């Protein structure tokens, strides 16, 4: 049975994060931060099997380059506590019946359902394959917090605040969290995909927060492999180093 998991965090300056570092890390590539002249190099990790940057049709294709896009994100953000990007991680099915192409399709269906690109945002997509002995196929999505301008030559000076989760309800109002929405969307997409292939496989939905108690040790073990929190924390420290070629 497939394990389904979704997590969303923010790439924030207040936490010491950098868009160029995060973009390079997810893409397993090299990016020079034009503000700091620091070069981030993650080429040696070698587990990225799919990379693409999705843009609205009117946007200059130069932003298909991760370095160009992430430096544009950094250029527009002036505050020390700026939210640079949304960082979304999706656990993808490891079922033997699926190919890389199937996992790419599932990832794109989630992006299409969320309508980020349709709303004028850019999405960097990276799919990482499991290391030997593991089963943690997963996709990383970096979503801009600003739309592109009408001429498509730069990001807007205004945040896309209208796309943030809405408060719903009457007397007892609640906020529908985006990670919960993505979690449910992904579950539906994966199960529909299995049905389309004529498979009886179904998602084992085990939660949104990897730090929660989520049941049997087997499930927690697989999830911890998929989301190596120690490695994620090291990202914030890398900004202090010159990762030179």
Protein backbone atom coordinates (compact mmCIF):
# COMPACT_ATOMS: atom_id res chain seq x y z
CA UNK A 1 0.00 0.00 0.00
CA UNK A 2 1.34 3.46 -0.93
CA UNK A 3 2.22 5.93 1.80
CA UNK A 4 0.85 9.42 1.25
CA UNK A 5 2.32 12.47 2.92
CA UNK A 6 2.44 16.20 2.24
CA UNK A 7 4.31 18.94 4.07
CA UNK A 8 4.44 22.67 3.46
CA UNK A 9 6.86 25.12 5.05
CA UNK A 10 8.07 28.60 4.24
CA UNK A 11 11.59 29.51 3.15
CA UNK A 12 12.09 32.46 5.51
CA UNK A 13 14.92 34.92 5.94
CA UNK A 14 14.20 35.09 9.67
CA UNK A 15 15.18 31.41 9.86
CA UNK A 16 18.40 32.06 7.94
CA UNK A 17 17.13 30.61 4.67
CA UNK A 18 18.13 31.70 1.16
CA UNK A 19 16.18 31.16 -2.05
CA UNK A 20 19.36 30.46 -4.03
CA UNK A 21 20.49 27.85 -1.53
CA UNK A 22 17.12 26.12 -1.43
CA UNK A 23 16.72 26.19 -5.20
CA UNK A 24 20.18 24.72 -5.71
CA UNK A 25 19.61 22.09 -3.03
CA UNK A 26 16.34 20.84 -4.50
CA UNK A 27 17.66 20.85 -8.07
CA UNK A 28 21.01 19.32 -7.05
CA UNK A 29 22.78 22.00 -9.01
CA UNK A 30 25.05 25.04 -8.62
CA UNK A 31 23.76 28.58 -8.06
CA UNK A 32 25.64 31.78 -7.32
CA UNK A 33 23.77 34.21 -5.08
CA UNK A 34 24.26 37.54 -6.84
CA UNK A 35 23.71 39.48 -3.62
CA UNK A 36 26.29 37.68 -1.51
CA UNK A 37 28.53 36.08 -4.18
CA UNK A 38 28.18 32.78 -2.33
CA UNK A 39 28.07 29.70 -4.59
CA UNK A 40 25.86 26.83 -3.49
CA UNK A 41 26.89 23.49 -4.97
CA UNK A 42 24.81 20.34 -4.45
CA UNK A 43 25.75 18.47 -7.63
CA UNK A 44 27.32 15.58 -5.76
CA UNK A 45 24.03 14.37 -4.23
CA UNK A 46 22.91 12.78 -7.47
CA UNK A 47 19.38 11.63 -6.58
CA UNK A 48 17.43 14.15 -8.68
CA UNK A 49 15.72 12.33 -11.55
CA UNK A 50 13.39 15.10 -12.75
CA UNK A 51 13.70 18.89 -12.75
CA UNK A 52 11.47 21.52 -14.31
CA UNK A 53 10.36 25.09 -13.68
CA UNK A 54 6.74 25.77 -14.58
CA UNK A 55 5.85 29.31 -15.65
CA UNK A 56 2.73 31.15 -16.82
CA UNK A 57 2.66 31.35 -20.63
CA UNK A 58 3.46 35.05 -20.77
CA UNK A 59 6.60 34.87 -18.63
CA UNK A 60 10.10 35.26 -20.05
CA UNK A 61 11.59 31.79 -20.53
CA UNK A 62 14.85 32.90 -18.90
CA UNK A 63 13.14 32.09 -15.59
CA UNK A 64 13.25 28.42 -16.57
CA UNK A 65 16.80 28.67 -15.25
CA UNK A 66 16.84 28.00 -11.50
CA UNK A 67 19.64 30.48 -10.87
CA UNK A 68 17.77 33.26 -12.69
CA UNK A 69 14.50 32.56 -10.87
CA UNK A 70 15.96 32.29 -7.39
CA UNK A 71 18.07 35.41 -7.78
CA UNK A 72 14.92 37.23 -8.91
CA UNK A 73 13.18 36.06 -5.73
CA UNK A 74 16.06 37.37 -3.64
CA UNK A 75 16.12 40.68 -5.52
CA UNK A 76 12.48 41.48 -4.76
CA UNK A 77 12.60 40.68 -1.06
CA UNK A 78 13.87 43.58 1.05
CA UNK A 79 12.81 42.65 4.59
CA UNK A 80 14.89 40.65 7.04
CA UNK A 81 11.84 38.53 7.87
CA UNK A 82 10.67 38.00 4.29
CA UNK A 83 8.98 34.77 3.23
CA UNK A 84 10.87 33.90 0.05
CA UNK A 85 9.11 30.75 -1.16
CA UNK A 86 6.67 28.05 -0.21
CA UNK A 87 8.51 24.76 0.19
CA UNK A 88 6.26 21.75 -0.39
CA UNK A 89 7.28 18.10 -0.14
CA UNK A 90 5.10 15.31 -1.50
CA UNK A 91 5.66 11.63 -0.82
CA UNK A 92 5.10 9.76 -4.10
CA UNK A 93 4.00 6.11 -4.41
CA UNK A 94 6.83 3.58 -4.45
CA UNK A 95 4.57 0.85 -5.88
CA UNK A 96 6.48 -1.35 -8.31
CA UNK A 97 3.76 -0.93 -10.95
CA UNK A 98 4.62 2.77 -11.33
CA UNK A 99 7.39 4.31 -13.43
CA UNK A 100 9.14 7.66 -13.10
CA UNK A 101 6.79 8.98 -15.78
CA UNK A 102 3.79 7.99 -13.64
CA UNK A 103 5.22 9.88 -10.68
CA UNK A 104 5.85 12.93 -12.84
CA UNK A 105 2.22 12.86 -14.00
CA UNK A 106 0.94 12.59 -10.41
CA UNK A 107 3.09 15.54 -9.37
CA UNK A 108 1.90 17.68 -12.28
CA UNK A 109 -1.73 16.84 -11.55
CA UNK A 110 -1.32 18.14 -8.01
CA UNK A 111 0.27 21.36 -9.30
CA UNK A 112 -2.53 21.81 -11.84
CA UNK A 113 -5.19 21.23 -9.19
CA UNK A 114 -3.67 23.87 -6.92
CA UNK A 115 -3.61 26.31 -9.91
CA UNK A 116 -0.41 28.07 -8.85
CA UNK A 117 0.85 28.57 -12.40
CA UNK A 118 -2.59 29.60 -13.63
CA UNK A 119 -2.58 32.27 -10.91
CA UNK A 120 0.69 33.73 -12.18
CA UNK A 121 3.23 32.03 -9.91
CA UNK A 122 6.31 29.97 -10.77
CA UNK A 123 6.84 26.43 -9.47
CA UNK A 124 10.21 24.67 -9.36
CA UNK A 125 9.65 20.89 -9.47
CA UNK A 126 12.26 18.33 -8.45
CA UNK A 127 11.69 14.60 -7.98
CA UNK A 128 14.22 12.65 -5.92
CA UNK A 129 14.53 8.89 -6.16
CA UNK A 130 15.18 6.66 -3.13
CA UNK A 131 18.67 5.82 -2.03
CA UNK A 132 19.63 2.16 -2.05
CA UNK A 133 17.51 0.13 0.35
CA UNK A 134 14.89 2.87 0.78
CA UNK A 135 11.46 3.52 -0.73
CA UNK A 136 11.11 7.27 -0.30
CA UNK A 137 10.20 8.65 -3.70
CA UNK A 138 9.31 12.29 -3.16
CA UNK A 139 8.78 15.57 -5.01
CA UNK A 140 9.97 19.01 -3.91
CA UNK A 141 7.97 22.04 -5.03
CA UNK A 142 9.19 25.61 -4.58
CA UNK A 143 6.37 28.07 -5.21
CA UNK A 144 6.95 31.81 -5.51
CA UNK A 145 5.01 34.09 -3.17
CA UNK A 146 4.74 36.78 -5.86
CA UNK A 147 3.11 36.72 -9.28
CA UNK A 148 4.95 37.78 -12.39
CA UNK A 149 4.19 41.19 -13.84
CA UNK A 150 1.92 41.47 -16.89
CA UNK A 151 4.91 41.82 -19.23
CA UNK A 152 6.44 38.65 -17.75
CA UNK A 153 9.85 40.23 -17.25
CA UNK A 154 10.02 40.20 -13.45
CA UNK A 155 8.21 39.30 -10.28
CA UNK A 156 5.69 41.75 -8.90
CA UNK A 157 6.54 44.09 -6.05
CA UNK A 158 3.33 42.93 -4.34
CA UNK A 159 2.80 39.59 -2.60
CA UNK A 160 0.03 37.31 -3.86
CA UNK A 161 -1.81 37.55 -0.53
CA UNK A 162 -5.14 36.73 -2.18
CA UNK A 163 -3.91 33.17 -2.70
CA UNK A 164 -3.32 32.52 0.99
CA UNK A 165 -5.73 30.14 2.83
CA UNK A 166 -9.10 31.70 3.56
CA UNK A 167 -11.04 31.85 6.83
CA UNK A 168 -14.33 30.00 6.46
CA UNK A 169 -17.39 29.44 8.61
CA UNK A 170 -19.77 31.63 10.55
CA UNK A 171 -19.68 32.07 14.32
CA UNK A 172 -16.90 29.52 14.74
CA UNK A 173 -14.51 30.53 12.02
CA UNK A 174 -11.59 28.32 11.07
CA UNK A 175 -8.67 28.54 8.70
CA UNK A 176 -8.39 25.70 6.21
CA UNK A 177 -4.65 25.09 6.25
CA UNK A 178 -2.99 24.74 2.88
CA UNK A 179 -1.04 21.65 3.87
CA UNK A 180 -4.31 19.90 4.75
CA UNK A 181 -5.76 20.87 1.37
CA UNK A 182 -2.69 19.61 -0.46
CA UNK A 183 -2.70 16.43 1.61
CA UNK A 184 -6.27 15.61 0.61
CA UNK A 185 -5.75 16.64 -3.02
CA UNK A 186 -2.72 14.37 -3.32
CA UNK A 187 -4.55 11.43 -1.76
CA UNK A 188 -7.40 11.81 -4.25
CA UNK A 189 -5.05 12.21 -7.22
CA UNK A 190 -2.98 9.14 -6.35
CA UNK A 191 -6.03 6.94 -5.75
CA UNK A 192 -7.65 8.12 -9.00
CA UNK A 193 -4.39 7.38 -10.82
CA UNK A 194 -4.32 3.84 -9.46
CA UNK A 195 -7.93 3.38 -10.58
CA UNK A 196 -7.06 4.66 -14.05
CA UNK A 197 -4.36 2.00 -14.33
CA UNK A 198 -6.79 -0.69 -13.21
CA UNK A 199 -4.87 -1.26 -9.99
CA UNK A 200 -6.38 -2.01 -6.59
CA UNK A 201 -3.53 -0.16 -4.85
CA UNK A 202 -4.68 2.62 -2.52
CA UNK A 203 -2.99 5.27 -0.43
CA UNK A 204 -2.15 4.66 3.22
CA UNK A 205 -2.82 8.17 4.53
CA UNK A 206 -0.61 8.67 7.57
CA UNK A 207 -0.61 12.37 8.28
CA UNK A 208 0.81 15.77 7.49
CA UNK A 209 3.28 16.46 10.27
CA UNK A 210 6.31 14.12 10.31
CA UNK A 211 6.85 14.85 14.01
CA UNK A 212 3.43 13.51 15.00
CA UNK A 213 2.90 9.98 16.29
CA UNK A 214 1.49 8.32 13.19
CA UNK A 215 0.99 4.72 14.12
CA UNK A 216 3.05 1.58 13.62
CA UNK A 217 6.81 1.77 13.76
CA UNK A 218 7.04 0.55 10.16
CA UNK A 219 5.17 3.64 8.94
CA UNK A 220 7.19 6.05 11.06
CA UNK A 221 10.44 4.51 9.85
CA UNK A 222 9.58 4.96 6.17
CA UNK A 223 8.41 8.53 6.73
CA UNK A 224 11.55 9.43 8.60
CA UNK A 225 13.62 8.14 5.69
CA UNK A 226 11.59 10.25 3.29
CA UNK A 227 11.91 13.40 5.39
CA UNK A 228 15.38 13.57 6.87
CA UNK A 229 14.88 16.48 9.24
CA UNK A 230 18.55 16.73 10.21
CA UNK A 231 19.49 17.23 6.57
CA UNK A 232 16.84 19.91 6.21
CA UNK A 233 18.21 21.79 9.22
CA UNK A 234 21.69 21.79 7.74
CA UNK A 235 20.38 23.87 4.84
CA UNK A 236 20.16 26.93 7.10
CA UNK A 237 23.81 26.51 8.07
CA UNK A 238 25.09 26.22 4.51
CA UNK A 239 24.47 29.92 3.83
CA UNK A 240 27.45 30.74 6.04
CA UNK A 241 29.81 28.76 3.83
CA UNK A 242 31.16 29.36 0.35
CA UNK A 243 30.28 26.15 -1.49
CA UNK A 244 32.80 26.73 -4.26
CA UNK A 245 33.31 24.56 -7.32
